[in-house]
C-alpha cells in the first residue's frame, strides 16, 4: 500500500532542503574567512537537513527523528555564533531567542511529520 505525500509534508521537505542549501552555501563562501568550527557546523547542519528533507519527502518512518536532530543542530549552531564570532553579551541574547524560535518551529514540524508519515509500529 502506497501512502500519498501530503502537500504540507512536501512543502516542509522543500523548506528544509532550501535551508540546508543555504547552510551549504554559507560553508563554501565562509570557508576562507569564517572560523573553521563554524564552517564545519554549517556542513553538518546541511547534511543533516538534506537527510531530514529526503526522509520527509520519501515518507520514511524515521523522518520525525531526522527533522528533530537537524533542528537541534541548527539551534546549537545559532547559539555557538556568539563565542565563535566573539559577540558581545547583548548580541548573544538575540542568539538565544533565535535558537529558541528555531527549536519551537522544529517541535511543530516534528509533530506534523509524526502525524503524516508512516510508523513502523501500529498505532492504537
PDB file of N, CA and C in Angstrom:
ATOM      1  N   UNK A   1       0.846  -1.181   0.000  1.00  0.00           N
ATOM      2  CA  UNK A   1       0.000   0.000   0.000  1.00  0.00           C
ATOM      3  C   UNK A   1       0.891   1.244   0.000  1.00  0.00           C
ATOM      4  N   UNK A   2       0.692   2.118  -0.936  1.00  0.00           N
ATOM      5  CA  UNK A   2       1.486   3.336  -1.004  1.00  0.00           C
ATOM      6  C   UNK A   2       0.761   4.466  -0.292  1.00  0.00           C
ATOM      7  N   UNK A   3       1.538   5.292   0.303  1.00  0.00           N
ATOM      8  CA  UNK A   3       0.991   6.420   1.040  1.00  0.00           C
ATOM      9  C   UNK A   3       1.249   7.674   0.225  1.00  0.00           C
ATOM     10  N   UNK A   4       0.212   8.449  -0.016  1.00  0.00           N
ATOM     11  CA  UNK A   4       0.416   9.680  -0.777  1.00  0.00           C
ATOM     12  C   UNK A   4       1.045  10.733   0.123  1.00  0.00           C
ATOM     13  N   UNK A   5       1.844  11.570  -0.490  1.00  0.00           N
ATOM     14  CA  UNK A   5       2.546  12.627   0.241  1.00  0.00           C
ATOM     15  C   UNK A   5       1.594  13.814   0.387  1.00  0.00           C
ATOM     16  N   UNK A   6       1.433  14.294   1.606  1.00  0.00           N
ATOM     17  CA  UNK A   6       0.577  15.458   1.815  1.00  0.00           C
ATOM     18  C   UNK A   6       1.283  16.711   1.292  1.00  0.00           C
ATOM     19  N   UNK A   7       0.494  17.708   0.955  1.00  0.00           N
ATOM     20  CA  UNK A   7       1.066  18.976   0.480  1.00  0.00           C
ATOM     21  C   UNK A   7       1.910  19.614   1.569  1.00  0.00           C
ATOM     22  N   UNK A   8       1.442  19.527   2.811  1.00  0.00           N
ATOM     23  CA  UNK A   8       2.205  20.093   3.919  1.00  0.00           C
ATOM     24  C   UNK A   8       3.563  19.428   4.094  1.00  0.00           C
ATOM     25  N   UNK A   9       3.591  18.092   3.979  1.00  0.00           N
ATOM     26  CA  UNK A   9       4.862  17.373   4.112  1.00  0.00           C
ATOM     27  C   UNK A   9       5.789  17.722   2.954  1.00  0.00           C
ATOM     28  N   UNK A  10       5.238  17.838   1.761  1.00  0.00           N
ATOM     29  CA  UNK A  10       6.062  18.208   0.602  1.00  0.00           C
ATOM     30  C   UNK A  10       6.635  19.611   0.774  1.00  0.00           C
ATOM     31  N   UNK A  11       5.818  20.542   1.214  1.00  0.00           N
ATOM     32  CA  UNK A  11       6.301  21.911   1.426  1.00  0.00           C
ATOM     33  C   UNK A  11       7.350  21.966   2.537  1.00  0.00           C
ATOM     34  N   UNK A  12       7.141  21.196   3.597  1.00  0.00           N
ATOM     35  CA  UNK A  12       8.126  21.159   4.679  1.00  0.00           C
ATOM     36  C   UNK A  12       9.450  20.579   4.195  1.00  0.00           C
ATOM     37  N   UNK A  13       9.382  19.515   3.406  1.00  0.00           N
ATOM     38  CA  UNK A  13      10.609  18.915   2.868  1.00  0.00           C
ATOM     39  C   UNK A  13      11.353  19.908   1.979  1.00  0.00           C
ATOM     40  N   UNK A  14      10.625  20.633   1.150  1.00  0.00           N
ATOM     41  CA  UNK A  14      11.248  21.629   0.274  1.00  0.00           C
ATOM     42  C   UNK A  14      11.863  22.757   1.109  1.00  0.00           C
ATOM     43  N   UNK A  15      11.149  23.215   2.137  1.00  0.00           N
ATOM     44  CA  UNK A  15      11.658  24.273   3.012  1.00  0.00           C
ATOM     45  C   UNK A  15      12.949  23.838   3.700  1.00  0.00           C
ATOM     46  N   UNK A  16      12.960  22.630   4.240  1.00  0.00           N
ATOM     47  CA  UNK A  16      14.153  22.123   4.925  1.00  0.00           C
ATOM     48  C   UNK A  16      15.312  21.986   3.938  1.00  0.00           C
ATOM     49  N   UNK A  17      15.022  21.538   2.717  1.00  0.00           N
ATOM     50  CA  UNK A  17      16.082  21.407   1.704  1.00  0.00           C
ATOM     51  C   UNK A  17      16.657  22.769   1.326  1.00  0.00           C
ATOM     52  N   UNK A  18      15.814  23.780   1.221  1.00  0.00           N
ATOM     53  CA  UNK A  18      16.296  25.123   0.881  1.00  0.00           C
ATOM     54  C   UNK A  18      17.181  25.671   2.005  1.00  0.00           C
ATOM     55  N   UNK A  19      16.739  25.512   3.250  1.00  0.00           N
ATOM     56  CA  UNK A  19      17.543  25.963   4.384  1.00  0.00           C
ATOM     57  C   UNK A  19      18.883  25.229   4.406  1.00  0.00           C
ATOM     58  N   UNK A  20      18.862  23.942   4.104  1.00  0.00           N
ATOM     59  CA  UNK A  20      20.097  23.151   4.072  1.00  0.00           C
ATOM     60  C   UNK A  20      21.032  23.643   2.977  1.00  0.00           C
ATOM     61  N   UNK A  21      20.470  23.996   1.832  1.00  0.00           N
ATOM     62  CA  UNK A  21      21.291  24.521   0.735  1.00  0.00           C
ATOM     63  C   UNK A  21      21.935  25.847   1.126  1.00  0.00           C
ATOM     64  N   UNK A  22      21.203  26.665   1.869  1.00  0.00           N
ATOM     65  CA  UNK A  22      21.759  27.934   2.343  1.00  0.00           C
ATOM     66  C   UNK A  22      22.938  27.679   3.287  1.00  0.00           C
ATOM     67  N   UNK A  23      22.809  26.692   4.161  1.00  0.00           N
ATOM     68  CA  UNK A  23      23.918  26.366   5.062  1.00  0.00           C
ATOM     69  C   UNK A  23      25.122  25.837   4.289  1.00  0.00           C
ATOM     70  N   UNK A  24      24.884  25.033   3.270  1.00  0.00           N
ATOM     71  CA  UNK A  24      25.987  24.525   2.466  1.00  0.00           C
ATOM     72  C   UNK A  24      26.664  25.666   1.715  1.00  0.00           C
ATOM     73  N   UNK A  25      25.882  26.575   1.176  1.00  0.00           N
ATOM     74  CA  UNK A  25      26.439  27.747   0.505  1.00  0.00           C
ATOM     75  C   UNK A  25      27.259  28.590   1.475  1.00  0.00           C
ATOM     76  N   UNK A  26      26.754  28.762   2.689  1.00  0.00           N
ATOM     77  CA  UNK A  26      27.488  29.521   3.703  1.00  0.00           C
ATOM     78  C   UNK A  26      28.802  28.838   4.055  1.00  0.00           C
ATOM     79  N   UNK A  27      28.794  27.514   4.093  1.00  0.00           N
ATOM     80  CA  UNK A  27      30.035  26.782   4.380  1.00  0.00           C
ATOM     81  C   UNK A  27      31.070  27.040   3.290  1.00  0.00           C
ATOM     82  N   UNK A  28      30.634  27.035   2.026  1.00  0.00           N
ATOM     83  CA  UNK A  28      31.574  27.261   0.927  1.00  0.00           C
ATOM     84  C   UNK A  28      32.041  28.708   0.857  1.00  0.00           C
ATOM     85  N   UNK A  29      31.129  29.658   1.025  1.00  0.00           N
ATOM     86  CA  UNK A  29      31.507  31.066   0.906  1.00  0.00           C
ATOM     87  C   UNK A  29      32.271  31.553   2.136  1.00  0.00           C
ATOM     88  N   UNK A  30      32.034  30.947   3.292  1.00  0.00           N
ATOM     89  CA  UNK A  30      32.718  31.368   4.504  1.00  0.00           C
ATOM     90  C   UNK A  30      33.979  30.585   4.793  1.00  0.00           C
ATOM     91  N   UNK A  31      34.315  29.649   3.925  1.00  0.00           N
ATOM     92  CA  UNK A  31      35.458  28.765   4.185  1.00  0.00           C
ATOM     93  C   UNK A  31      36.768  29.531   4.312  1.00  0.00           C
ATOM     94  N   UNK A  32      36.876  30.665   3.639  1.00  0.00           N
ATOM     95  CA  UNK A  32      38.147  31.391   3.694  1.00  0.00           C
ATOM     96  C   UNK A  32      38.225  32.386   4.856  1.00  0.00           C
ATOM     97  N   UNK A  33      37.070  32.868   5.336  1.00  0.00           N
ATOM     98  CA  UNK A  33      37.121  33.910   6.363  1.00  0.00           C
ATOM     99  C   UNK A  33      36.507  33.536   7.696  1.00  0.00           C
ATOM    100  N   UNK A  34      35.578  32.586   7.711  1.00  0.00           N
ATOM    101  CA  UNK A  34      34.917  32.206   8.960  1.00  0.00           C
ATOM    102  C   UNK A  34      35.793  31.242   9.761  1.00  0.00           C
ATOM    103  N   UNK A  35      35.566  31.183  11.066  1.00  0.00           N
ATOM    104  CA  UNK A  35      36.290  30.187  11.864  1.00  0.00           C
ATOM    105  C   UNK A  35      35.991  28.777  11.344  1.00  0.00           C
ATOM    106  N   UNK A  36      37.003  27.925  11.371  1.00  0.00           N
ATOM    107  CA  UNK A  36      36.856  26.560  10.837  1.00  0.00           C
ATOM    108  C   UNK A  36      35.716  25.810  11.518  1.00  0.00           C
ATOM    109  N   UNK A  37      35.552  25.996  12.828  1.00  0.00           N
ATOM    110  CA  UNK A  37      34.472  25.310  13.550  1.00  0.00           C
ATOM    111  C   UNK A  37      33.104  25.708  12.999  1.00  0.00           C
ATOM    112  N   UNK A  38      32.936  26.968  12.626  1.00  0.00           N
ATOM    113  CA  UNK A  38      31.672  27.432  12.077  1.00  0.00           C
ATOM    114  C   UNK A  38      31.418  26.818  10.700  1.00  0.00           C
ATOM    115  N   UNK A  39      32.447  26.733   9.883  1.00  0.00           N
ATOM    116  CA  UNK A  39      32.305  26.111   8.563  1.00  0.00           C
ATOM    117  C   UNK A  39      31.894  24.648   8.716  1.00  0.00           C
ATOM    118  N   UNK A  40      32.536  23.956   9.648  1.00  0.00           N
ATOM    119  CA  UNK A  40      32.205  22.546   9.894  1.00  0.00           C
ATOM    120  C   UNK A  40      30.764  22.419  10.387  1.00  0.00           C
ATOM    121  N   UNK A  41      30.347  23.316  11.263  1.00  0.00           N
ATOM    122  CA  UNK A  41      28.960  23.298  11.742  1.00  0.00           C
ATOM    123  C   UNK A  41      27.983  23.472  10.590  1.00  0.00           C
ATOM    124  N   UNK A  42      28.283  24.386   9.675  1.00  0.00           N
ATOM    125  CA  UNK A  42      27.398  24.599   8.522  1.00  0.00           C
ATOM    126  C   UNK A  42      27.302  23.341   7.664  1.00  0.00           C
ATOM    127  N   UNK A  43      28.404  22.660   7.467  1.00  0.00           N
ATOM    128  CA  UNK A  43      28.377  21.421   6.671  1.00  0.00           C
ATOM    129  C   UNK A  43      27.541  20.361   7.383  1.00  0.00           C
ATOM    130  N   UNK A  44      27.732  20.203   8.685  1.00  0.00           N
ATOM    131  CA  UNK A  44      26.962  19.217   9.450  1.00  0.00           C
ATOM    132  C   UNK A  44      25.471  19.525   9.383  1.00  0.00           C
ATOM    133  N   UNK A  45      25.114  20.790   9.585  1.00  0.00           N
ATOM    134  CA  UNK A  45      23.711  21.194   9.532  1.00  0.00           C
ATOM    135  C   UNK A  45      23.138  20.934   8.138  1.00  0.00           C
ATOM    136  N   UNK A  46      23.916  21.226   7.100  1.00  0.00           N
ATOM    137  CA  UNK A  46      23.443  20.997   5.736  1.00  0.00           C
ATOM    138  C   UNK A  46      23.189  19.515   5.476  1.00  0.00           C
ATOM    139  N   UNK A  47      24.124  18.674   5.853  1.00  0.00           N
ATOM    140  CA  UNK A  47      23.969  17.228   5.614  1.00  0.00           C
ATOM    141  C   UNK A  47      22.766  16.684   6.386  1.00  0.00           C
ATOM    142  N   UNK A  48      22.655  17.044   7.658  1.00  0.00           N
ATOM    143  CA  UNK A  48      21.519  16.559   8.451  1.00  0.00           C
ATOM    144  C   UNK A  48      20.194  17.108   7.919  1.00  0.00           C
ATOM    145  N   UNK A  49      20.212  18.347   7.453  1.00  0.00           N
ATOM    146  CA  UNK A  49      18.998  18.926   6.881  1.00  0.00           C
ATOM    147  C   UNK A  49      18.583  18.248   5.590  1.00  0.00           C
ATOM    148  N   UNK A  50      19.545  17.970   4.714  1.00  0.00           N
ATOM    149  CA  UNK A  50      19.221  17.254   3.477  1.00  0.00           C
ATOM    150  C   UNK A  50      18.684  15.861   3.782  1.00  0.00           C
ATOM    151  N   UNK A  51      19.272  15.201   4.774  1.00  0.00           N
ATOM    152  CA  UNK A  51      18.790  13.885   5.178  1.00  0.00           C
ATOM    153  C   UNK A  51      17.351  13.974   5.701  1.00  0.00           C
ATOM    154  N   UNK A  52      17.073  14.986   6.504  1.00  0.00           N
ATOM    155  CA  UNK A  52      15.713  15.177   7.025  1.00  0.00           C
ATOM    156  C   UNK A  52      14.736  15.474   5.891  1.00  0.00           C
ATOM    157  N   UNK A  53      15.129  16.350   4.967  1.00  0.00           N
ATOM    158  CA  UNK A  53      14.245  16.681   3.840  1.00  0.00           C
ATOM    159  C   UNK A  53      13.941  15.444   3.006  1.00  0.00           C
ATOM    160  N   UNK A  54      14.960  14.662   2.727  1.00  0.00           N
ATOM    161  CA  UNK A  54      14.764  13.449   1.930  1.00  0.00           C
ATOM    162  C   UNK A  54      13.854  12.468   2.661  1.00  0.00           C
ATOM    163  N   UNK A  55      14.064  12.303   3.975  1.00  0.00           N
ATOM    164  CA  UNK A  55      13.246  11.351   4.730  1.00  0.00           C
ATOM    165  C   UNK A  55      11.788  11.790   4.790  1.00  0.00           C
ATOM    166  N   UNK A  56      11.556  13.097   4.889  1.00  0.00           N
ATOM    167  CA  UNK A  56      10.177  13.607   4.870  1.00  0.00           C
ATOM    168  C   UNK A  56       9.564  13.365   3.496  1.00  0.00           C
ATOM    169  N   UNK A  57      10.305  13.708   2.453  1.00  0.00           N
ATOM    170  CA  UNK A  57       9.812  13.559   1.081  1.00  0.00           C
ATOM    171  C   UNK A  57       9.464  12.103   0.762  1.00  0.00           C
ATOM    172  N   UNK A  58      10.314  11.192   1.230  1.00  0.00           N
ATOM    173  CA  UNK A  58      10.121   9.767   0.941  1.00  0.00           C
ATOM    174  C   UNK A  58       9.161   9.085   1.919  1.00  0.00           C
ATOM    175  N   UNK A  59       8.753   9.790   2.960  1.00  0.00           N
ATOM    176  CA  UNK A  59       7.815   9.224   3.918  1.00  0.00           C
ATOM    177  C   UNK A  59       8.419   8.164   4.817  1.00  0.00           C
ATOM    178  N   UNK A  60       9.688   8.302   5.132  1.00  0.00           N
ATOM    179  CA  UNK A  60      10.369   7.330   5.995  1.00  0.00           C
ATOM    180  C   UNK A  60       9.833   7.436   7.422  1.00  0.00           C
ATOM    181  N   UNK A  61       9.758   6.297   8.106  1.00  0.00           N
ATOM    182  CA  UNK A  61       9.224   6.298   9.464  1.00  0.00           C
ATOM    183  C   UNK A  61      10.102   7.088  10.420  1.00  0.00           C
ATOM    184  N   UNK A  62      11.372   7.235  10.090  1.00  0.00           N
ATOM    185  CA  UNK A  62      12.301   7.944  10.969  1.00  0.00           C
ATOM    186  C   UNK A  62      12.424   9.432  10.622  1.00  0.00           C
ATOM    187  N   UNK A  63      11.583   9.914   9.739  1.00  0.00           N
ATOM    188  CA  UNK A  63      11.629  11.328   9.342  1.00  0.00           C
ATOM    189  C   UNK A  63      11.477  12.293  10.522  1.00  0.00           C
ATOM    190  N   UNK A  64      10.573  12.036  11.477  1.00  0.00           N
ATOM    191  CA  UNK A  64      10.495  12.970  12.613  1.00  0.00           C
ATOM    192  C   UNK A  64      11.800  13.047  13.400  1.00  0.00           C
ATOM    193  N   UNK A  65      12.479  11.916  13.558  1.00  0.00           N
ATOM    194  CA  UNK A  65      13.753  11.903  14.268  1.00  0.00           C
ATOM    195  C   UNK A  65      14.812  12.679  13.500  1.00  0.00           C
ATOM    196  N   UNK A  66      14.853  12.489  12.190  1.00  0.00           N
ATOM    197  CA  UNK A  66      15.831  13.209  11.366  1.00  0.00           C
ATOM    198  C   UNK A  66      15.591  14.707  11.439  1.00  0.00           C
ATOM    199  N   UNK A  67      14.319  15.107  11.379  1.00  0.00           N
ATOM    200  CA  UNK A  67      13.991  16.532  11.475  1.00  0.00           C
ATOM    201  C   UNK A  67      14.360  17.081  12.854  1.00  0.00           C
ATOM    202  N   UNK A  68      14.115  16.317  13.905  1.00  0.00           N
ATOM    203  CA  UNK A  68      14.454  16.769  15.253  1.00  0.00           C
ATOM    204  C   UNK A  68      15.963  16.984  15.398  1.00  0.00           C
ATOM    205  N   UNK A  69      16.742  16.035  14.922  1.00  0.00           N
ATOM    206  CA  UNK A  69      18.202  16.165  15.018  1.00  0.00           C
ATOM    207  C   UNK A  69      18.684  17.368  14.203  1.00  0.00           C
ATOM    208  N   UNK A  70      18.145  17.528  13.009  1.00  0.00           N
ATOM    209  CA  UNK A  70      18.544  18.666  12.170  1.00  0.00           C
ATOM    210  C   UNK A  70      18.192  19.993  12.848  1.00  0.00           C
ATOM    211  N   UNK A  71      16.996  20.082  13.408  1.00  0.00           N
ATOM    212  CA  UNK A  71      16.573  21.318  14.068  1.00  0.00           C
ATOM    213  C   UNK A  71      17.401  21.648  15.295  1.00  0.00           C
ATOM    214  N   UNK A  72      17.719  20.633  16.081  1.00  0.00           N
ATOM    215  CA  UNK A  72      18.538  20.862  17.275  1.00  0.00           C
ATOM    216  C   UNK A  72      19.940  21.321  16.875  1.00  0.00           C
ATOM    217  N   UNK A  73      20.490  20.762  15.787  1.00  0.00           N
ATOM    218  CA  UNK A  73      21.821  21.203  15.363  1.00  0.00           C
ATOM    219  C   UNK A  73      21.796  22.636  14.845  1.00  0.00           C
ATOM    220  N   UNK A  74      20.700  23.034  14.207  1.00  0.00           N
ATOM    221  CA  UNK A  74      20.593  24.438  13.771  1.00  0.00           C
ATOM    222  C   UNK A  74      20.548  25.347  14.997  1.00  0.00           C
ATOM    223  N   UNK A  75      19.770  24.963  16.006  1.00  0.00           N
ATOM    224  CA  UNK A  75      19.708  25.763  17.235  1.00  0.00           C
ATOM    225  C   UNK A  75      21.083  25.855  17.895  1.00  0.00           C
ATOM    226  N   UNK A  76      21.805  24.743  17.927  1.00  0.00           N
ATOM    227  CA  UNK A  76      23.146  24.755  18.507  1.00  0.00           C
ATOM    228  C   UNK A  76      24.084  25.646  17.707  1.00  0.00           C
ATOM    229  N   UNK A  77      23.960  25.621  16.385  1.00  0.00           N
ATOM    230  CA  UNK A  77      24.791  26.493  15.556  1.00  0.00           C
ATOM    231  C   UNK A  77      24.513  27.958  15.868  1.00  0.00           C
ATOM    232  N   UNK A  78      23.250  28.294  16.008  1.00  0.00           N
ATOM    233  CA  UNK A  78      22.891  29.686  16.293  1.00  0.00           C
ATOM    234  C   UNK A  78      23.503  30.137  17.623  1.00  0.00           C
ATOM    235  N   UNK A  79      23.383  29.312  18.650  1.00  0.00           N
ATOM    236  CA  UNK A  79      23.935  29.663  19.964  1.00  0.00           C
ATOM    237  C   UNK A  79      25.460  29.767  19.905  1.00  0.00           C
ATOM    238  N   UNK A  80      26.087  28.902  19.104  1.00  0.00           N
ATOM    239  CA  UNK A  80      27.554  28.900  19.039  1.00  0.00           C
ATOM    240  C   UNK A  80      28.127  30.103  18.298  1.00  0.00           C
ATOM    241  N   UNK A  81      27.289  30.849  17.598  1.00  0.00           N
ATOM    242  CA  UNK A  81      27.792  32.028  16.885  1.00  0.00           C
ATOM    243  C   UNK A  81      28.402  33.051  17.834  1.00  0.00           C
ATOM    244  N   UNK A  82      27.832  33.178  19.028  1.00  0.00           N
ATOM    245  CA  UNK A  82      28.343  34.152  19.991  1.00  0.00           C
ATOM    246  C   UNK A  82      29.809  33.954  20.316  1.00  0.00           C
ATOM    247  N   UNK A  83      30.172  32.788  20.836  1.00  0.00           N
ATOM    248  CA  UNK A  83      31.588  32.582  21.150  1.00  0.00           C
ATOM    249  C   UNK A  83      32.481  32.501  19.910  1.00  0.00           C
ATOM    250  N   UNK A  84      31.987  31.890  18.855  1.00  0.00           N
ATOM    251  CA  UNK A  84      32.828  31.731  17.661  1.00  0.00           C
ATOM    252  C   UNK A  84      33.154  33.071  16.998  1.00  0.00           C
ATOM    253  N   UNK A  85      32.185  33.979  17.004  1.00  0.00           N
ATOM    254  CA  UNK A  85      32.382  35.282  16.367  1.00  0.00           C
ATOM    255  C   UNK A  85      32.684  36.376  17.390  1.00  0.00           C
ATOM    256  N   UNK A  86      32.903  35.982  18.636  1.00  0.00           N
ATOM    257  CA  UNK A  86      33.260  36.884  19.720  1.00  0.00           C
ATOM    258  C   UNK A  86      32.287  38.057  19.838  1.00  0.00           C
ATOM    259  N   UNK A  87      31.017  37.715  19.929  1.00  0.00           N
ATOM    260  CA  UNK A  87      29.968  38.724  20.053  1.00  0.00           C
ATOM    261  C   UNK A  87      29.831  39.182  21.493  1.00  0.00           C
ATOM    262  N   UNK A  88      29.300  40.363  21.667  1.00  0.00           N
ATOM    263  CA  UNK A  88      29.050  40.900  22.998  1.00  0.00           C
ATOM    264  C   UNK A  88      27.825  40.269  23.628  1.00  0.00           C
ATOM    265  N   UNK A  89      27.618  40.569  24.898  1.00  0.00           N
ATOM    266  CA  UNK A  89      26.517  39.970  25.660  1.00  0.00           C
ATOM    267  C   UNK A  89      25.153  40.330  25.086  1.00  0.00           C
ATOM    268  N   UNK A  90      24.993  41.556  24.632  1.00  0.00           N
ATOM    269  CA  UNK A  90      23.698  41.985  24.107  1.00  0.00           C
ATOM    270  C   UNK A  90      23.351  41.232  22.817  1.00  0.00           C
ATOM    271  N   UNK A  91      24.322  41.046  21.937  1.00  0.00           N
ATOM    272  CA  UNK A  91      24.071  40.307  20.698  1.00  0.00           C
ATOM    273  C   UNK A  91      23.789  38.837  20.980  1.00  0.00           C
ATOM    274  N   UNK A  92      24.459  38.281  21.979  1.00  0.00           N
ATOM    275  CA  UNK A  92      24.250  36.873  22.316  1.00  0.00           C
ATOM    276  C   UNK A  92      22.840  36.608  22.808  1.00  0.00           C
ATOM    277  N   UNK A  93      22.235  37.582  23.482  1.00  0.00           N
ATOM    278  CA  UNK A  93      20.858  37.415  23.956  1.00  0.00           C
ATOM    279  C   UNK A  93      19.922  37.180  22.779  1.00  0.00           C
ATOM    280  N   UNK A  94      20.149  37.883  21.699  1.00  0.00           N
ATOM    281  CA  UNK A  94      19.342  37.682  20.497  1.00  0.00           C
ATOM    282  C   UNK A  94      19.548  36.310  19.886  1.00  0.00           C
ATOM    283  N   UNK A  95      20.755  35.772  20.025  1.00  0.00           N
ATOM    284  CA  UNK A  95      21.026  34.435  19.507  1.00  0.00           C
ATOM    285  C   UNK A  95      20.202  33.390  20.253  1.00  0.00           C
ATOM    286  N   UNK A  96      20.089  33.544  21.562  1.00  0.00           N
ATOM    287  CA  UNK A  96      19.286  32.592  22.339  1.00  0.00           C
ATOM    288  C   UNK A  96      17.822  32.647  21.924  1.00  0.00           C
ATOM    289  N   UNK A  97      17.331  33.849  21.646  1.00  0.00           N
ATOM    290  CA  UNK A  97      15.953  33.987  21.184  1.00  0.00           C
ATOM    291  C   UNK A  97      15.775  33.304  19.828  1.00  0.00           C
ATOM    292  N   UNK A  98      16.722  33.509  18.938  1.00  0.00           N
ATOM    293  CA  UNK A  98      16.662  32.868  17.628  1.00  0.00           C
ATOM    294  C   UNK A  98      16.727  31.354  17.724  1.00  0.00           C
ATOM    295  N   UNK A  99      17.607  30.851  18.579  1.00  0.00           N
ATOM    296  CA  UNK A  99      17.733  29.401  18.754  1.00  0.00           C
ATOM    297  C   UNK A  99      16.453  28.809  19.339  1.00  0.00           C
ATOM    298  N   UNK A 100      15.857  29.510  20.288  1.00  0.00           N
ATOM    299  CA  UNK A 100      14.602  29.033  20.881  1.00  0.00           C
ATOM    300  C   UNK A 100      13.485  29.020  19.844  1.00  0.00           C
ATOM    301  N   UNK A 101      13.449  30.030  18.988  1.00  0.00           N
ATOM    302  CA  UNK A 101      12.435  30.080  17.933  1.00  0.00           C
ATOM    303  C   UNK A 101      12.599  28.914  16.967  1.00  0.00           C
ATOM    304  N   UNK A 102      13.825  28.653  16.557  1.00  0.00           N
ATOM    305  CA  UNK A 102      14.082  27.515  15.661  1.00  0.00           C
ATOM    306  C   UNK A 102      13.692  26.213  16.348  1.00  0.00           C
ATOM    307  N   UNK A 103      14.020  26.084  17.622  1.00  0.00           N
ATOM    308  CA  UNK A 103      13.683  24.870  18.360  1.00  0.00           C
ATOM    309  C   UNK A 103      12.170  24.663  18.417  1.00  0.00           C
ATOM    310  N   UNK A 104      11.421  25.718  18.705  1.00  0.00           N
ATOM    311  CA  UNK A 104       9.958  25.599  18.761  1.00  0.00           C
ATOM    312  C   UNK A 104       9.364  25.288  17.385  1.00  0.00           C
ATOM    313  N   UNK A 105       9.909  25.901  16.345  1.00  0.00           N
ATOM    314  CA  UNK A 105       9.445  25.591  14.992  1.00  0.00           C
ATOM    315  C   UNK A 105       9.760  24.133  14.644  1.00  0.00           C
ATOM    316  N   UNK A 106      10.909  23.651  15.090  1.00  0.00           N
ATOM    317  CA  UNK A 106      11.273  22.251  14.867  1.00  0.00           C
ATOM    318  C   UNK A 106      10.291  21.324  15.568  1.00  0.00           C
ATOM    319  N   UNK A 107       9.931  21.648  16.802  1.00  0.00           N
ATOM    320  CA  UNK A 107       8.944  20.832  17.512  1.00  0.00           C
ATOM    321  C   UNK A 107       7.630  20.761  16.748  1.00  0.00           C
ATOM    322  N   UNK A 108       7.200  21.894  16.215  1.00  0.00           N
ATOM    323  CA  UNK A 108       5.974  21.898  15.406  1.00  0.00           C
ATOM    324  C   UNK A 108       6.112  21.039  14.162  1.00  0.00           C
ATOM    325  N   UNK A 109       7.252  21.133  13.507  1.00  0.00           N
ATOM    326  CA  UNK A 109       7.487  20.321  12.321  1.00  0.00           C
ATOM    327  C   UNK A 109       7.545  18.844  12.640  1.00  0.00           C
ATOM    328  N   UNK A 110       8.195  18.494  13.735  1.00  0.00           N
ATOM    329  CA  UNK A 110       8.276  17.091  14.152  1.00  0.00           C
ATOM    330  C   UNK A 110       6.877  16.557  14.457  1.00  0.00           C
ATOM    331  N   UNK A 111       6.090  17.340  15.160  1.00  0.00           N
ATOM    332  CA  UNK A 111       4.716  16.937  15.465  1.00  0.00           C
ATOM    333  C   UNK A 111       3.941  16.690  14.176  1.00  0.00           C
ATOM    334  N   UNK A 112       4.046  17.599  13.221  1.00  0.00           N
ATOM    335  CA  UNK A 112       3.318  17.460  11.962  1.00  0.00           C
ATOM    336  C   UNK A 112       3.791  16.230  11.180  1.00  0.00           C
ATOM    337  N   UNK A 113       5.104  16.078  11.062  1.00  0.00           N
ATOM    338  CA  UNK A 113       5.643  14.946  10.297  1.00  0.00           C
ATOM    339  C   UNK A 113       5.257  13.632  10.976  1.00  0.00           C
ATOM    340  N   UNK A 114       5.297  13.595  12.285  1.00  0.00           N
ATOM    341  CA  UNK A 114       4.924  12.373  13.015  1.00  0.00           C
ATOM    342  C   UNK A 114       3.493  11.971  12.714  1.00  0.00           C
ATOM    343  N   UNK A 115       2.608  12.932  12.530  1.00  0.00           N
ATOM    344  CA  UNK A 115       1.210  12.649  12.224  1.00  0.00           C
ATOM    345  C   UNK A 115       1.008  12.237  10.769  1.00  0.00           C
ATOM    346  N   UNK A 116       1.885  12.708   9.874  1.00  0.00           N
ATOM    347  CA  UNK A 116       1.695  12.487   8.439  1.00  0.00           C
ATOM    348  C   UNK A 116       2.497  11.331   7.859  1.00  0.00           C
ATOM    349  N   UNK A 117       3.605  10.978   8.497  1.00  0.00           N
ATOM    350  CA  UNK A 117       4.492   9.962   7.939  1.00  0.00           C
ATOM    351  C   UNK A 117       4.239   8.640   8.651  1.00  0.00           C
ATOM    352  N   UNK A 118       4.307   7.557   7.893  1.00  0.00           N
ATOM    353  CA  UNK A 118       4.035   6.237   8.443  1.00  0.00           C
ATOM    354  C   UNK A 118       4.971   5.847   9.565  1.00  0.00           C
ATOM    355  N   UNK A 119       4.498   4.981  10.419  1.00  0.00           N
ATOM    356  CA  UNK A 119       5.258   4.488  11.559  1.00  0.00           C
ATOM    357  C   UNK A 119       5.473   2.986  11.395  1.00  0.00           C
ATOM    358  N   UNK A 120       6.619   2.459  11.829  1.00  0.00           N
ATOM    359  CA  UNK A 120       6.831   1.025  11.716  1.00  0.00           C
ATOM    360  C   UNK A 120       5.966   0.243  12.702  1.00  0.00           C
ATOM    361  N   UNK A 121       5.457   0.930  13.723  1.00  0.00           N
ATOM    362  CA  UNK A 121       4.624   0.274  14.727  1.00  0.00           C
ATOM    363  C   UNK A 121       3.170   0.693  14.529  1.00  0.00           C
ATOM    364  N   UNK A 122       2.244  -0.227  14.688  1.00  0.00           N
ATOM    365  CA  UNK A 122       0.832   0.152  14.558  1.00  0.00           C
ATOM    366  C   UNK A 122       0.431   1.088  15.690  1.00  0.00           C
ATOM    367  N   UNK A 123      -0.382   2.035  15.353  1.00  0.00           N
ATOM    368  CA  UNK A 123      -0.885   2.972  16.377  1.00  0.00           C
ATOM    369  C   UNK A 123      -2.158   2.415  16.978  1.00  0.00           C
ATOM    370  N   UNK A 124      -2.362   2.710  18.251  1.00  0.00           N
ATOM    371  CA  UNK A 124      -3.566   2.221  18.930  1.00  0.00           C
ATOM    372  C   UNK A 124      -4.739   3.126  18.649  1.00  0.00           C
TER     373      UNK A 124
END
